[in-house]
N, C-alpha and C. Protein backbone atom coordinates (compact mmCIF):
# COMPACT_ATOMS: atom_id res chain seq x y z
N MET A 1 0.84 -1.18 0.00
CA MET A 1 0.00 0.00 0.00
C MET A 1 0.90 1.25 0.00
N ARG A 2 0.67 2.10 -0.96
CA ARG A 2 1.44 3.33 -1.09
C ARG A 2 0.76 4.47 -0.31
N ASP A 3 1.54 5.44 0.12
CA ASP A 3 0.98 6.63 0.74
C ASP A 3 0.78 7.67 -0.35
N PHE A 4 -0.46 7.88 -0.75
CA PHE A 4 -0.75 8.78 -1.87
C PHE A 4 -0.32 10.22 -1.57
N ARG A 5 -0.28 10.59 -0.29
CA ARG A 5 0.11 11.96 0.07
C ARG A 5 1.57 12.26 -0.25
N ARG A 6 2.36 11.22 -0.51
CA ARG A 6 3.77 11.42 -0.86
C ARG A 6 3.98 11.57 -2.37
N LEU A 7 2.94 11.37 -3.15
CA LEU A 7 3.05 11.46 -4.61
C LEU A 7 2.85 12.90 -5.08
N ALA A 8 3.79 13.38 -5.87
CA ALA A 8 3.69 14.75 -6.40
C ALA A 8 2.44 14.90 -7.27
N VAL A 9 2.08 13.87 -8.00
CA VAL A 9 0.90 13.95 -8.88
C VAL A 9 -0.37 14.11 -8.06
N TRP A 10 -0.45 13.47 -6.89
CA TRP A 10 -1.62 13.64 -6.04
C TRP A 10 -1.66 15.05 -5.48
N GLU A 11 -0.52 15.57 -5.04
CA GLU A 11 -0.45 16.92 -4.50
C GLU A 11 -0.87 17.94 -5.56
N LYS A 12 -0.41 17.75 -6.80
CA LYS A 12 -0.80 18.66 -7.89
C LYS A 12 -2.31 18.57 -8.16
N SER A 13 -2.85 17.36 -8.10
CA SER A 13 -4.30 17.21 -8.34
C SER A 13 -5.09 17.87 -7.21
N ARG A 14 -4.59 17.78 -6.01
CA ARG A 14 -5.23 18.44 -4.87
C ARG A 14 -5.20 19.96 -5.05
N GLU A 15 -4.06 20.49 -5.48
CA GLU A 15 -3.96 21.92 -5.74
C GLU A 15 -4.93 22.35 -6.84
N LEU A 16 -5.10 21.49 -7.84
CA LEU A 16 -6.05 21.78 -8.92
C LEU A 16 -7.47 21.86 -8.38
N VAL A 17 -7.84 20.92 -7.52
CA VAL A 17 -9.19 20.93 -6.94
C VAL A 17 -9.42 22.24 -6.19
N LEU A 18 -8.48 22.61 -5.34
CA LEU A 18 -8.63 23.84 -4.56
C LEU A 18 -8.71 25.08 -5.45
N ALA A 19 -7.86 25.13 -6.48
CA ALA A 19 -7.88 26.27 -7.41
C ALA A 19 -9.20 26.32 -8.19
N LEU A 20 -9.68 25.16 -8.59
CA LEU A 20 -10.92 25.11 -9.36
C LEU A 20 -12.11 25.55 -8.51
N TYR A 21 -12.14 25.13 -7.25
CA TYR A 21 -13.23 25.57 -6.37
C TYR A 21 -13.19 27.08 -6.16
N ARG A 22 -11.98 27.64 -5.97
CA ARG A 22 -11.86 29.09 -5.80
C ARG A 22 -12.33 29.82 -7.07
N THR A 23 -11.92 29.31 -8.21
CA THR A 23 -12.26 29.95 -9.49
C THR A 23 -13.76 29.86 -9.78
N THR A 24 -14.33 28.67 -9.61
CA THR A 24 -15.74 28.48 -9.96
C THR A 24 -16.67 29.16 -8.97
N LYS A 25 -16.18 29.52 -7.80
CA LYS A 25 -16.99 30.27 -6.85
C LYS A 25 -17.40 31.63 -7.43
N LEU A 26 -16.59 32.10 -8.37
CA LEU A 26 -16.83 33.40 -9.00
C LEU A 26 -17.78 33.33 -10.19
N PHE A 27 -18.15 32.12 -10.60
CA PHE A 27 -19.02 31.94 -11.76
C PHE A 27 -20.45 32.38 -11.45
N PRO A 28 -21.21 32.68 -12.49
CA PRO A 28 -22.62 33.05 -12.29
C PRO A 28 -23.41 31.90 -11.64
N ARG A 29 -24.37 32.27 -10.84
CA ARG A 29 -25.17 31.29 -10.11
C ARG A 29 -25.86 30.28 -11.03
N GLU A 30 -26.25 30.71 -12.22
CA GLU A 30 -26.95 29.79 -13.13
C GLU A 30 -26.06 28.67 -13.66
N GLU A 31 -24.76 28.79 -13.47
CA GLU A 31 -23.83 27.74 -13.92
C GLU A 31 -23.56 26.69 -12.85
N MET A 32 -24.10 26.86 -11.64
CA MET A 32 -23.80 25.95 -10.54
C MET A 32 -24.20 24.50 -10.83
N CYS A 33 -25.26 24.29 -11.55
CA CYS A 33 -25.71 22.92 -11.83
C CYS A 33 -25.10 22.35 -13.10
N GLY A 34 -24.43 23.15 -13.87
CA GLY A 34 -23.87 22.69 -15.13
C GLY A 34 -22.36 22.67 -15.12
N LEU A 35 -21.79 23.70 -15.68
CA LEU A 35 -20.35 23.80 -15.87
C LEU A 35 -19.57 23.69 -14.56
N VAL A 36 -20.01 24.38 -13.54
CA VAL A 36 -19.31 24.37 -12.25
C VAL A 36 -19.34 22.98 -11.64
N SER A 37 -20.49 22.39 -11.57
CA SER A 37 -20.63 21.07 -10.96
C SER A 37 -19.80 20.02 -11.69
N GLN A 38 -19.86 20.00 -13.00
CA GLN A 38 -19.12 19.01 -13.77
C GLN A 38 -17.62 19.15 -13.54
N ASN A 39 -17.11 20.35 -13.56
CA ASN A 39 -15.68 20.56 -13.42
C ASN A 39 -15.20 20.28 -12.00
N ARG A 40 -16.00 20.61 -11.02
CA ARG A 40 -15.63 20.28 -9.64
C ARG A 40 -15.56 18.77 -9.44
N ARG A 41 -16.55 18.06 -9.97
CA ARG A 41 -16.56 16.60 -9.83
C ARG A 41 -15.40 15.96 -10.57
N CYS A 42 -15.09 16.45 -11.76
CA CYS A 42 -13.98 15.90 -12.54
C CYS A 42 -12.65 16.07 -11.81
N SER A 43 -12.42 17.27 -11.29
CA SER A 43 -11.14 17.52 -10.63
C SER A 43 -11.02 16.71 -9.34
N ALA A 44 -12.10 16.61 -8.57
CA ALA A 44 -12.07 15.82 -7.34
C ALA A 44 -11.86 14.34 -7.66
N SER A 45 -12.40 13.89 -8.77
CA SER A 45 -12.27 12.50 -9.17
C SER A 45 -10.81 12.13 -9.48
N VAL A 46 -10.06 13.07 -10.02
CA VAL A 46 -8.64 12.81 -10.32
C VAL A 46 -7.91 12.47 -9.03
N ALA A 47 -8.02 13.34 -8.03
CA ALA A 47 -7.34 13.10 -6.75
C ALA A 47 -7.84 11.82 -6.08
N ALA A 48 -9.15 11.59 -6.12
CA ALA A 48 -9.72 10.41 -5.48
C ALA A 48 -9.24 9.12 -6.14
N ASN A 49 -9.15 9.09 -7.45
CA ASN A 49 -8.70 7.88 -8.14
C ASN A 49 -7.22 7.60 -7.89
N ILE A 50 -6.41 8.63 -7.78
CA ILE A 50 -5.00 8.43 -7.45
C ILE A 50 -4.90 7.82 -6.06
N ALA A 51 -5.63 8.38 -5.10
CA ALA A 51 -5.61 7.86 -3.73
C ALA A 51 -6.13 6.42 -3.68
N GLU A 52 -7.20 6.15 -4.39
CA GLU A 52 -7.75 4.79 -4.38
C GLU A 52 -6.79 3.80 -5.00
N GLY A 53 -6.12 4.20 -6.07
CA GLY A 53 -5.15 3.31 -6.71
C GLY A 53 -4.00 2.95 -5.77
N CYS A 54 -3.64 3.89 -4.92
CA CYS A 54 -2.56 3.62 -3.96
C CYS A 54 -2.95 2.56 -2.93
N GLY A 55 -4.22 2.42 -2.70
CA GLY A 55 -4.70 1.43 -1.75
C GLY A 55 -4.90 0.04 -2.34
N ARG A 56 -4.71 -0.09 -3.62
CA ARG A 56 -4.88 -1.38 -4.29
C ARG A 56 -3.61 -2.19 -4.27
N LYS A 57 -3.77 -3.49 -4.46
CA LYS A 57 -2.61 -4.38 -4.50
C LYS A 57 -2.05 -4.45 -5.90
N GLY A 58 -0.75 -4.37 -6.00
CA GLY A 58 -0.08 -4.57 -7.28
C GLY A 58 -0.04 -3.33 -8.16
N ASN A 59 0.96 -3.29 -9.00
CA ASN A 59 1.15 -2.16 -9.91
C ASN A 59 0.09 -2.10 -10.99
N GLY A 60 -0.43 -3.25 -11.42
CA GLY A 60 -1.44 -3.27 -12.48
C GLY A 60 -2.68 -2.48 -12.09
N GLU A 61 -3.19 -2.74 -10.89
CA GLU A 61 -4.37 -2.01 -10.43
C GLU A 61 -4.06 -0.54 -10.21
N PHE A 62 -2.87 -0.25 -9.67
CA PHE A 62 -2.47 1.14 -9.46
C PHE A 62 -2.45 1.89 -10.79
N HIS A 63 -1.85 1.29 -11.80
CA HIS A 63 -1.79 1.92 -13.12
C HIS A 63 -3.18 2.10 -13.72
N ARG A 64 -4.06 1.14 -13.49
CA ARG A 64 -5.44 1.25 -13.98
C ARG A 64 -6.13 2.48 -13.39
N PHE A 65 -5.95 2.69 -12.09
CA PHE A 65 -6.57 3.85 -11.45
C PHE A 65 -5.93 5.16 -11.91
N LEU A 66 -4.64 5.12 -12.23
CA LEU A 66 -4.01 6.32 -12.79
C LEU A 66 -4.60 6.65 -14.15
N GLN A 67 -4.90 5.62 -14.94
CA GLN A 67 -5.54 5.85 -16.23
C GLN A 67 -6.94 6.43 -16.06
N ILE A 68 -7.66 5.94 -15.07
CA ILE A 68 -9.00 6.46 -14.79
C ILE A 68 -8.90 7.93 -14.37
N ALA A 69 -7.91 8.24 -13.53
CA ALA A 69 -7.68 9.62 -13.09
C ALA A 69 -7.37 10.52 -14.28
N ALA A 70 -6.55 10.04 -15.19
CA ALA A 70 -6.20 10.82 -16.38
C ALA A 70 -7.45 11.07 -17.23
N GLY A 71 -8.30 10.08 -17.34
CA GLY A 71 -9.55 10.25 -18.08
C GLY A 71 -10.46 11.27 -17.43
N SER A 72 -10.52 11.26 -16.12
CA SER A 72 -11.34 12.25 -15.40
C SER A 72 -10.80 13.65 -15.64
N GLY A 73 -9.51 13.78 -15.66
CA GLY A 73 -8.89 15.08 -15.90
C GLY A 73 -9.18 15.60 -17.30
N ALA A 74 -9.21 14.71 -18.25
CA ALA A 74 -9.48 15.10 -19.63
C ALA A 74 -10.96 15.39 -19.85
N ASN A 75 -11.80 14.98 -18.94
CA ASN A 75 -13.24 15.11 -19.10
C ASN A 75 -13.75 16.53 -18.98
N GLY A 76 -13.10 17.38 -18.18
CA GLY A 76 -13.71 18.69 -18.01
C GLY A 76 -12.78 19.80 -17.57
N THR A 77 -11.79 19.49 -16.80
CA THR A 77 -10.99 20.56 -16.22
C THR A 77 -10.11 21.27 -17.24
N THR A 78 -9.94 20.70 -18.40
CA THR A 78 -9.12 21.34 -19.43
C THR A 78 -9.82 22.58 -20.00
N ILE A 79 -11.07 22.78 -19.69
CA ILE A 79 -11.79 23.96 -20.16
C ILE A 79 -11.13 25.22 -19.61
N PHE A 80 -10.63 25.16 -18.40
CA PHE A 80 -10.08 26.34 -17.73
C PHE A 80 -8.58 26.50 -17.89
N PHE A 81 -7.88 25.40 -18.13
CA PHE A 81 -6.41 25.47 -18.10
C PHE A 81 -5.80 25.14 -19.43
């Protein structure tokens, strides 16, 4: 079992989540159920999948969760960055 908090990629994903929440707080209220919600969930999913992969046995499962995290990142957060 790996400690995900020691991974630079997890720390960067955590910073992304925090930055995205700060940024989307400034969005118009009518976007809360659409664009804001989707991007917040996508960014949080990246960090969560990295952490979950660290709790799995073997490198194969860890790599699978990293791929899932990469897919979550490509799903929505690229709109802003």
